[in-house]
PDB file of N, CA and C in Angstrom:
ATOM      1  N   MET A   1     -56.348 -41.350 -29.934  1.00  0.00           N
ATOM      2  CA  MET A   1     -56.278 -41.634 -31.367  1.00  0.00           C
ATOM      3  C   MET A   1     -54.872 -41.362 -31.910  1.00  0.00           C
ATOM      4  N   GLU A   2     -54.293 -40.250 -31.485  1.00  0.00           N
ATOM      5  CA  GLU A   2     -52.940 -39.908 -31.950  1.00  0.00           C
ATOM      6  C   GLU A   2     -51.928 -40.955 -31.483  1.00  0.00           C
ATOM      7  N   ASN A   3     -52.101 -41.420 -30.249  1.00  0.00           N
ATOM      8  CA  ASN A   3     -51.210 -42.437 -29.708  1.00  0.00           C
ATOM      9  C   ASN A   3     -51.342 -43.746 -30.489  1.00  0.00           C
ATOM     10  N   GLU A   4     -52.561 -44.071 -30.916  1.00  0.00           N
ATOM     11  CA  GLU A   4     -52.786 -45.282 -31.707  1.00  0.00           C
ATOM     12  C   GLU A   4     -52.058 -45.187 -33.044  1.00  0.00           C
ATOM     13  N   LYS A   5     -52.084 -44.006 -33.652  1.00  0.00           N
ATOM     14  CA  LYS A   5     -51.395 -43.799 -34.934  1.00  0.00           C
ATOM     15  C   LYS A   5     -49.897 -44.002 -34.776  1.00  0.00           C
ATOM     16  N   GLU A   6     -49.344 -43.458 -33.692  1.00  0.00           N
ATOM     17  CA  GLU A   6     -47.911 -43.600 -33.435  1.00  0.00           C
ATOM     18  C   GLU A   6     -47.543 -45.059 -33.209  1.00  0.00           C
ATOM     19  N   THR A   7     -48.400 -45.781 -32.499  1.00  0.00           N
ATOM     20  CA  THR A   7     -48.155 -47.201 -32.234  1.00  0.00           C
ATOM     21  C   THR A   7     -48.193 -48.010 -33.524  1.00  0.00           C
ATOM     22  N   ILE A   8     -49.149 -47.701 -34.397  1.00  0.00           N
ATOM     23  CA  ILE A   8     -49.240 -48.396 -35.683  1.00  0.00           C
ATOM     24  C   ILE A   8     -47.980 -48.149 -36.501  1.00  0.00           C
ATOM     25  N   LYS A   9     -47.535 -46.891 -36.561  1.00  0.00           N
ATOM     26  CA  LYS A   9     -46.316 -46.568 -37.314  1.00  0.00           C
ATOM     27  C   LYS A   9     -45.117 -47.318 -36.742  1.00  0.00           C
ATOM     28  N   ALA A  10     -44.997 -47.309 -35.429  1.00  0.00           N
ATOM     29  CA  ALA A  10     -43.856 -47.972 -34.792  1.00  0.00           C
ATOM     30  C   ALA A  10     -43.895 -49.482 -35.029  1.00  0.00           C
ATOM     31  N   ARG A  11     -45.085 -50.096 -34.974  1.00  0.00           N
ATOM     32  CA  ARG A  11     -45.195 -51.535 -35.222  1.00  0.00           C
ATOM     33  C   ARG A  11     -44.851 -51.872 -36.670  1.00  0.00           C
ATOM     34  N   LEU A  12     -45.269 -51.021 -37.611  1.00  0.00           N
ATOM     35  CA  LEU A  12     -44.907 -51.230 -39.020  1.00  0.00           C
ATOM     36  C   LEU A  12     -43.387 -51.205 -39.185  1.00  0.00           C
ATOM     37  N   LEU A  13     -42.765 -50.193 -38.604  1.00  0.00           N
ATOM     38  CA  LEU A  13     -41.310 -50.053 -38.702  1.00  0.00           C
ATOM     39  C   LEU A  13     -40.601 -51.225 -38.019  1.00  0.00           C
ATOM     40  N   TYR A  14     -41.101 -51.617 -36.845  1.00  0.00           N
ATOM     41  CA  TYR A  14     -40.483 -52.717 -36.104  1.00  0.00           C
ATOM     42  C   TYR A  14     -40.558 -54.028 -36.888  1.00  0.00           C
ATOM     43  N   HIS A  15     -41.700 -54.271 -37.500  1.00  0.00           N
ATOM     44  CA  HIS A  15     -41.863 -55.491 -38.299  1.00  0.00           C
ATOM     45  C   HIS A  15     -40.820 -55.537 -39.428  1.00  0.00           C
ATOM     46  N   LEU A  16     -40.657 -54.437 -40.136  1.00  0.00           N
ATOM     47  CA  LEU A  16     -39.685 -54.393 -41.233  1.00  0.00           C
ATOM     48  C   LEU A  16     -38.251 -54.476 -40.702  1.00  0.00           C
ATOM     49  N   ARG A  17     -37.998 -53.848 -39.563  1.00  0.00           N
ATOM     50  CA  ARG A  17     -36.658 -53.866 -38.963  1.00  0.00           C
ATOM     51  C   ARG A  17     -36.288 -55.273 -38.512  1.00  0.00           C
ATOM     52  N   LYS A  18     -37.260 -55.964 -37.901  1.00  0.00           N
ATOM     53  CA  LYS A  18     -37.036 -57.323 -37.416  1.00  0.00           C
ATOM     54  C   LYS A  18     -36.725 -58.271 -38.576  1.00  0.00           C
ATOM     55  N   LYS A  19     -37.385 -58.058 -39.710  1.00  0.00           N
ATOM     56  CA  LYS A  19     -37.172 -58.885 -40.898  1.00  0.00           C
ATOM     57  C   LYS A  19     -35.975 -58.400 -41.728  1.00  0.00           C
ATOM     58  N   ASN A  20     -35.330 -57.321 -41.272  1.00  0.00           N
ATOM     59  CA  ASN A  20     -34.157 -56.754 -41.944  1.00  0.00           C
ATOM     60  C   ASN A  20     -34.467 -56.300 -43.375  1.00  0.00           C
ATOM     61  N   VAL A  21     -35.635 -55.690 -43.560  1.00  0.00           N
ATOM     62  CA  VAL A  21     -36.051 -55.186 -44.872  1.00  0.00           C
ATOM     63  C   VAL A  21     -35.542 -53.749 -44.989  1.00  0.00           C
ATOM     64  N   ILE A  22     -34.254 -53.645 -45.327  1.00  0.00           N
ATOM     65  CA  ILE A  22     -33.578 -52.348 -45.355  1.00  0.00           C
ATOM     66  C   ILE A  22     -32.895 -52.162 -46.706  1.00  0.00           C
ATOM     67  N   GLY A  23     -33.003 -50.947 -47.248  1.00  0.00           N
ATOM     68  CA  GLY A  23     -32.311 -50.609 -48.486  1.00  0.00           C
ATOM     69  C   GLY A  23     -32.773 -51.409 -49.682  1.00  0.00           C
ATOM     70  N   ALA A  24     -31.881 -52.236 -50.229  1.00  0.00           N
ATOM     71  CA  ALA A  24     -32.170 -52.969 -51.468  1.00  0.00           C
ATOM     72  C   ALA A  24     -33.084 -54.177 -51.244  1.00  0.00           C
ATOM     73  N   LYS A  25     -33.316 -54.578 -50.003  1.00  0.00           N
ATOM     74  CA  LYS A  25     -34.219 -55.693 -49.725  1.00  0.00           C
ATOM     75  C   LYS A  25     -35.626 -55.130 -49.529  1.00  0.00           C
ATOM     76  N   HIS A  26     -36.570 -55.606 -50.332  1.00  0.00           N
ATOM     77  CA  HIS A  26     -37.928 -55.068 -50.316  1.00  0.00           C
ATOM     78  C   HIS A  26     -38.956 -56.119 -49.931  1.00  0.00           C
ATOM     79  N   THR A  27     -40.141 -55.645 -49.560  1.00  0.00           N
ATOM     80  CA  THR A  27     -41.292 -56.515 -49.324  1.00  0.00           C
ATOM     81  C   THR A  27     -42.501 -55.863 -49.985  1.00  0.00           C
ATOM     82  N   HIS A  28     -43.498 -56.657 -50.296  1.00  0.00           N
ATOM     83  CA  HIS A  28     -44.679 -56.140 -50.976  1.00  0.00           C
ATOM     84  C   HIS A  28     -45.456 -55.214 -50.044  1.00  0.00           C
ATOM     85  N   TYR A  29     -45.931 -54.116 -50.577  1.00  0.00           N
ATOM     86  CA  TYR A  29     -46.662 -53.100 -49.806  1.00  0.00           C
ATOM     87  C   TYR A  29     -47.861 -53.697 -49.071  1.00  0.00           C
ATOM     88  N   ASP A  30     -48.572 -54.615 -49.709  1.00  0.00           N
ATOM     89  CA  ASP A  30     -49.775 -55.205 -49.103  1.00  0.00           C
ATOM     90  C   ASP A  30     -49.472 -56.030 -47.848  1.00  0.00           C
ATOM     91  N   THR A  31     -48.238 -56.494 -47.699  1.00  0.00           N
ATOM     92  CA  THR A  31     -47.900 -57.301 -46.520  1.00  0.00           C
ATOM     93  C   THR A  31     -47.779 -56.445 -45.258  1.00  0.00           C
ATOM     94  N   LEU A  32     -47.765 -55.134 -45.402  1.00  0.00           N
ATOM     95  CA  LEU A  32     -47.649 -54.265 -44.229  1.00  0.00           C
ATOM     96  C   LEU A  32     -48.846 -54.411 -43.302  1.00  0.00           C
ATOM     97  N   LYS A  33     -49.988 -54.813 -43.832  1.00  0.00           N
ATOM     98  CA  LYS A  33     -51.205 -54.964 -43.019  1.00  0.00           C
ATOM     99  C   LYS A  33     -51.207 -56.245 -42.188  1.00  0.00           C
ATOM    100  N   PHE A  34     -50.333 -57.189 -42.523  1.00  0.00           N
ATOM    101  CA  PHE A  34     -50.299 -58.460 -41.795  1.00  0.00           C
ATOM    102  C   PHE A  34     -49.994 -58.208 -40.319  1.00  0.00           C
ATOM    103  N   GLY A  35     -50.689 -58.928 -39.448  1.00  0.00           N
ATOM    104  CA  GLY A  35     -50.449 -58.805 -38.018  1.00  0.00           C
ATOM    105  C   GLY A  35     -51.330 -57.782 -37.334  1.00  0.00           C
ATOM    106  N   PHE A  36     -52.067 -57.004 -38.107  1.00  0.00           N
ATOM    107  CA  PHE A  36     -52.983 -56.021 -37.551  1.00  0.00           C
ATOM    108  C   PHE A  36     -54.415 -56.537 -37.688  1.00  0.00           C
ATOM    109  N   PRO A  37     -55.310 -56.144 -36.768  1.00  0.00           N
ATOM    110  CA  PRO A  37     -56.717 -56.531 -36.917  1.00  0.00           C
ATOM    111  C   PRO A  37     -57.302 -55.955 -38.211  1.00  0.00           C
ATOM    112  N   LYS A  38     -58.227 -56.671 -38.816  1.00  0.00           N
ATOM    113  CA  LYS A  38     -58.808 -56.256 -40.096  1.00  0.00           C
ATOM    114  C   LYS A  38     -59.443 -54.873 -40.041  1.00  0.00           C
ATOM    115  N   HIS A  39     -60.062 -54.517 -38.910  1.00  0.00           N
ATOM    116  CA  HIS A  39     -60.731 -53.220 -38.824  1.00  0.00           C
ATOM    117  C   HIS A  39     -59.748 -52.047 -38.830  1.00  0.00           C
ATOM    118  N   LEU A  40     -58.458 -52.315 -38.655  1.00  0.00           N
ATOM    119  CA  LEU A  40     -57.445 -51.256 -38.696  1.00  0.00           C
ATOM    120  C   LEU A  40     -56.786 -51.140 -40.074  1.00  0.00           C
ATOM    121  N   GLY A  41     -57.229 -51.921 -41.040  1.00  0.00           N
ATOM    122  CA  GLY A  41     -56.591 -51.964 -42.351  1.00  0.00           C
ATOM    123  C   GLY A  41     -56.402 -50.610 -43.003  1.00  0.00           C
ATOM    124  N   LYS A  42     -57.447 -49.771 -42.990  1.00  0.00           N
ATOM    125  CA  LYS A  42     -57.367 -48.453 -43.623  1.00  0.00           C
ATOM    126  C   LYS A  42     -56.395 -47.542 -42.873  1.00  0.00           C
ATOM    127  N   GLU A  43     -56.420 -47.618 -41.541  1.00  0.00           N
ATOM    128  CA  GLU A  43     -55.524 -46.795 -40.730  1.00  0.00           C
ATOM    129  C   GLU A  43     -54.067 -47.223 -40.914  1.00  0.00           C
ATOM    130  N   VAL A  44     -53.827 -48.522 -41.026  1.00  0.00           N
ATOM    131  CA  VAL A  44     -52.470 -49.026 -41.266  1.00  0.00           C
ATOM    132  C   VAL A  44     -51.963 -48.490 -42.598  1.00  0.00           C
ATOM    133  N   GLU A  45     -52.817 -48.513 -43.602  1.00  0.00           N
ATOM    134  CA  GLU A  45     -52.426 -47.993 -44.917  1.00  0.00           C
ATOM    135  C   GLU A  45     -52.134 -46.493 -44.859  1.00  0.00           C
ATOM    136  N   ASN A  46     -52.954 -45.742 -44.124  1.00  0.00           N
ATOM    137  CA  ASN A  46     -52.726 -44.301 -43.976  1.00  0.00           C
ATOM    138  C   ASN A  46     -51.391 -44.026 -43.295  1.00  0.00           C
ATOM    139  N   GLN A  47     -51.072 -44.788 -42.271  1.00  0.00           N
ATOM    140  CA  GLN A  47     -49.806 -44.585 -41.555  1.00  0.00           C
ATOM    141  C   GLN A  47     -48.610 -45.009 -42.406  1.00  0.00           C
ATOM    142  N   ALA A  48     -48.777 -46.035 -43.226  1.00  0.00           N
ATOM    143  CA  ALA A  48     -47.705 -46.444 -44.142  1.00  0.00           C
ATOM    144  C   ALA A  48     -47.425 -45.319 -45.146  1.00  0.00           C
ATOM    145  N   LYS A  49     -48.482 -44.703 -45.652  1.00  0.00           N
ATOM    146  CA  LYS A  49     -48.310 -43.570 -46.580  1.00  0.00           C
ATOM    147  C   LYS A  49     -47.614 -42.401 -45.888  1.00  0.00           C
ATOM    148  N   GLU A  50     -47.933 -42.185 -44.619  1.00  0.00           N
ATOM    149  CA  GLU A  50     -47.282 -41.122 -43.851  1.00  0.00           C
ATOM    150  C   GLU A  50     -45.786 -41.415 -43.689  1.00  0.00           C
ATOM    151  N   LEU A  51     -45.436 -42.674 -43.439  1.00  0.00           N
ATOM    152  CA  LEU A  51     -44.022 -43.054 -43.318  1.00  0.00           C
ATOM    153  C   LEU A  51     -43.281 -42.856 -44.637  1.00  0.00           C
ATOM    154  N   ILE A  52     -43.967 -43.073 -45.750  1.00  0.00           N
ATOM    155  CA  ILE A  52     -43.366 -42.828 -47.064  1.00  0.00           C
ATOM    156  C   ILE A  52     -43.114 -41.334 -47.234  1.00  0.00           C
ATOM    157  N   ARG A  53     -44.095 -40.509 -46.838  1.00  0.00           N
ATOM    158  CA  ARG A  53     -43.932 -39.050 -46.930  1.00  0.00           C
ATOM    159  C   ARG A  53     -42.793 -38.559 -46.045  1.00  0.00           C
ATOM    160  N   GLN A  54     -42.625 -39.196 -44.870  1.00  0.00           N
ATOM    161  CA  GLN A  54     -41.547 -38.832 -43.945  1.00  0.00           C
ATOM    162  C   GLN A  54     -40.174 -39.237 -44.480  1.00  0.00           C
ATOM    163  N   GLY A  55     -40.163 -40.160 -45.422  1.00  0.00           N
ATOM    164  CA  GLY A  55     -38.897 -40.632 -45.964  1.00  0.00           C
ATOM    165  C   GLY A  55     -38.320 -41.819 -45.208  1.00  0.00           C
ATOM    166  N   TRP A  56     -39.076 -42.382 -44.282  1.00  0.00           N
ATOM    167  CA  TRP A  56     -38.596 -43.544 -43.530  1.00  0.00           C
ATOM    168  C   TRP A  56     -38.817 -44.830 -44.299  1.00  0.00           C
ATOM    169  N   LEU A  57     -39.820 -44.851 -45.162  1.00  0.00           N
ATOM    170  CA  LEU A  57     -40.053 -45.985 -46.051  1.00  0.00           C
ATOM    171  C   LEU A  57     -39.737 -45.550 -47.472  1.00  0.00           C
ATOM    172  N   ILE A  58     -39.040 -46.404 -48.190  1.00  0.00           N
ATOM    173  CA  ILE A  58     -38.705 -46.157 -49.590  1.00  0.00           C
ATOM    174  C   ILE A  58     -39.579 -47.072 -50.440  1.00  0.00           C
ATOM    175  N   THR A  59     -40.124 -46.533 -51.513  1.00  0.00           N
ATOM    176  CA  THR A  59     -40.961 -47.349 -52.397  1.00  0.00           C
ATOM    177  C   THR A  59     -40.193 -47.725 -53.652  1.00  0.00           C
ATOM    178  N   LYS A  60     -40.583 -48.857 -54.216  1.00  0.00           N
ATOM    179  CA  LYS A  60     -40.001 -49.315 -55.469  1.00  0.00           C
ATOM    180  C   LYS A  60     -41.131 -49.921 -56.292  1.00  0.00           C
ATOM    181  N   PRO A  61     -41.593 -49.210 -57.320  1.00  0.00           N
ATOM    182  CA  PRO A  61     -42.646 -49.783 -58.167  1.00  0.00           C
ATOM    183  C   PRO A  61     -42.085 -50.915 -59.025  1.00  0.00           C
ATOM    184  N   THR A  62     -42.841 -52.003 -59.121  1.00  0.00           N
ATOM    185  CA  THR A  62     -42.438 -53.131 -59.960  1.00  0.00           C
ATOM    186  C   THR A  62     -43.623 -53.531 -60.823  1.00  0.00           C
ATOM    187  N   SER A  63     -43.401 -54.442 -61.742  1.00  0.00           N
ATOM    188  CA  SER A  63     -44.478 -54.898 -62.623  1.00  0.00           C
ATOM    189  C   SER A  63     -45.529 -55.695 -61.851  1.00  0.00           C
ATOM    190  N   TYR A  64     -45.154 -56.236 -60.695  1.00  0.00           N
ATOM    191  CA  TYR A  64     -46.078 -57.061 -59.916  1.00  0.00           C
ATOM    192  C   TYR A  64     -46.574 -56.349 -58.660  1.00  0.00           C
ATOM    193  N   GLY A  65     -46.375 -55.036 -58.556  1.00  0.00           N
ATOM    194  CA  GLY A  65     -46.905 -54.258 -57.440  1.00  0.00           C
ATOM    195  C   GLY A  65     -45.849 -53.423 -56.744  1.00  0.00           C
ATOM    196  N   LEU A  66     -46.310 -52.613 -55.825  1.00  0.00           N
ATOM    197  CA  LEU A  66     -45.437 -51.703 -55.092  1.00  0.00           C
ATOM    198  C   LEU A  66     -44.669 -52.451 -54.008  1.00  0.00           C
ATOM    199  N   GLN A  67     -43.370 -52.194 -53.926  1.00  0.00           N
ATOM    200  CA  GLN A  67     -42.500 -52.786 -52.915  1.00  0.00           C
ATOM    201  C   GLN A  67     -42.014 -51.667 -51.987  1.00  0.00           C
ATOM    202  N   VAL A  68     -41.762 -51.991 -50.717  1.00  0.00           N
ATOM    203  CA  VAL A  68     -41.262 -51.006 -49.760  1.00  0.00           C
ATOM    204  C   VAL A  68     -40.093 -51.577 -48.961  1.00  0.00           C
ATOM    205  N   SER A  69     -39.266 -50.665 -48.450  1.00  0.00           N
ATOM    206  CA  SER A  69     -38.177 -51.046 -47.548  1.00  0.00           C
ATOM    207  C   SER A  69     -37.867 -49.856 -46.651  1.00  0.00           C
ATOM    208  N   LEU A  70     -37.133 -50.109 -45.583  1.00  0.00           N
ATOM    209  CA  LEU A  70     -36.713 -49.037 -44.690  1.00  0.00           C
ATOM    210  C   LEU A  70     -35.590 -48.244 -45.343  1.00  0.00           C
ATOM    211  N   ASN A  71     -35.580 -46.951 -45.113  1.00  0.00           N
ATOM    212  CA  ASN A  71     -34.532 -46.084 -45.625  1.00  0.00           C
ATOM    213  C   ASN A  71     -33.281 -46.293 -44.773  1.00  0.00           C
ATOM    214  N   LYS A  72     -32.235 -46.869 -45.367  1.00  0.00           N
ATOM    215  CA  LYS A  72     -31.032 -47.209 -44.591  1.00  0.00           C
ATOM    216  C   LYS A  72     -30.306 -45.976 -44.064  1.00  0.00           C
ATOM    217  N   GLU A  73     -30.533 -44.824 -44.689  1.00  0.00           N
ATOM    218  CA  GLU A  73     -29.887 -43.591 -44.219  1.00  0.00           C
ATOM    219  C   GLU A  73     -30.560 -43.023 -42.975  1.00  0.00           C
ATOM    220  N   LYS A  74     -31.755 -43.503 -42.656  1.00  0.00           N
ATOM    221  CA  LYS A  74     -32.476 -43.005 -41.481  1.00  0.00           C
ATOM    222  C   LYS A  74     -32.699 -44.103 -40.442  1.00  0.00           C
ATOM    223  N   ILE A  75     -31.889 -45.148 -40.490  1.00  0.00           N
ATOM    224  CA  ILE A  75     -32.104 -46.304 -39.629  1.00  0.00           C
ATOM    225  C   ILE A  75     -31.924 -45.974 -38.149  1.00  0.00           C
ATOM    226  N   THR A  76     -31.006 -45.100 -37.802  1.00  0.00           N
ATOM    227  CA  THR A  76     -30.812 -44.703 -36.396  1.00  0.00           C
ATOM    228  C   THR A  76     -32.040 -43.970 -35.891  1.00  0.00           C
ATOM    229  N   GLU A  77     -32.540 -43.062 -36.707  1.00  0.00           N
ATOM    230  CA  GLU A  77     -33.764 -42.314 -36.381  1.00  0.00           C
ATOM    231  C   GLU A  77     -34.949 -43.268 -36.191  1.00  0.00           C
ATOM    232  N   ILE A  78     -35.058 -44.237 -37.088  1.00  0.00           N
ATOM    233  CA  ILE A  78     -36.137 -45.223 -37.034  1.00  0.00           C
ATOM    234  C   ILE A  78     -36.025 -46.071 -35.769  1.00  0.00           C
ATOM    235  N   ASP A  79     -34.812 -46.539 -35.455  1.00  0.00           N
ATOM    236  CA  ASP A  79     -34.599 -47.344 -34.251  1.00  0.00           C
ATOM    237  C   ASP A  79     -34.990 -46.573 -32.989  1.00  0.00           C
ATOM    238  N   ASN A  80     -34.612 -45.301 -32.926  1.00  0.00           N
ATOM    239  CA  ASN A  80     -34.954 -44.477 -31.766  1.00  0.00           C
ATOM    240  C   ASN A  80     -36.466 -44.305 -31.645  1.00  0.00           C
ATOM    241  N   TYR A  81     -37.132 -44.114 -32.761  1.00  0.00           N
ATOM    242  CA  TYR A  81     -38.590 -43.964 -32.766  1.00  0.00           C
ATOM    243  C   TYR A  81     -39.265 -45.240 -32.251  1.00  0.00           C
ATOM    244  N   ILE A  82     -38.794 -46.391 -32.732  1.00  0.00           N
ATOM    245  CA  ILE A  82     -39.355 -47.670 -32.285  1.00  0.00           C
ATOM    246  C   ILE A  82     -39.147 -47.844 -30.777  1.00  0.00           C
ATOM    247  N   LYS A  83     -37.933 -47.584 -30.310  1.00  0.00           N
ATOM    248  CA  LYS A  83     -37.606 -47.727 -28.880  1.00  0.00           C
ATOM    249  C   LYS A  83     -38.489 -46.836 -28.028  1.00  0.00           C
ATOM    250  N   ASN A  84     -38.635 -45.583 -28.429  1.00  0.00           N
ATOM    251  CA  ASN A  84     -39.388 -44.619 -27.630  1.00  0.00           C
ATOM    252  C   ASN A  84     -40.888 -44.877 -27.664  1.00  0.00           C
ATOM    253  N   THR A  85     -41.409 -45.318 -28.794  1.00  0.00           N
ATOM    254  CA  THR A  85     -42.843 -45.513 -28.925  1.00  0.00           C
ATOM    255  C   THR A  85     -43.302 -46.849 -28.350  1.00  0.00           C
ATOM    256  N   LEU A  86     -42.590 -47.917 -28.659  1.00  0.00           N
ATOM    257  CA  LEU A  86     -42.999 -49.244 -28.214  1.00  0.00           C
ATOM    258  C   LEU A  86     -42.304 -49.693 -26.931  1.00  0.00           C
ATOM    259  N   LYS A  87     -41.369 -48.864 -26.444  1.00  0.00           N
ATOM    260  CA  LYS A  87     -40.601 -49.197 -25.234  1.00  0.00           C
ATOM    261  C   LYS A  87     -39.872 -50.527 -25.381  1.00  0.00           C
ATOM    262  N   LEU A  88     -39.238 -50.707 -26.557  1.00  0.00           N
ATOM    263  CA  LEU A  88     -38.488 -51.924 -26.842  1.00  0.00           C
ATOM    264  C   LEU A  88     -37.000 -51.661 -26.841  1.00  0.00           C
ATOM    265  N   ASN A  89     -36.245 -52.708 -26.707  1.00  0.00           N
ATOM    266  CA  ASN A  89     -34.792 -52.634 -26.779  1.00  0.00           C
ATOM    267  C   ASN A  89     -34.348 -53.346 -28.051  1.00  0.00           C
ATOM    268  N   ILE A  90     -33.909 -52.600 -29.030  1.00  0.00           N
ATOM    269  CA  ILE A  90     -33.489 -53.207 -30.299  1.00  0.00           C
ATOM    270  C   ILE A  90     -31.990 -53.412 -30.266  1.00  0.00           C
TER     271      ILE A  90
END
């Protein structure tokens, strides 16, 4: 279960990194669930909240909903986490 949580977090980060959603470029919070099976929806949301608490995701409230982006000051840390968890080469 713990390994699944780490994989979900790493996939969330990788998706945002691949799309270059860093710093001032944001995406809607609800889009974080895209690409995951529907039965994991609640767990994906829990892991996204954990990433916000860790400071790896930055939130920006808007009139049309919550927006998120990767924290550009922690991008090296995020890249290392993705590499180690998903065994990818970024």
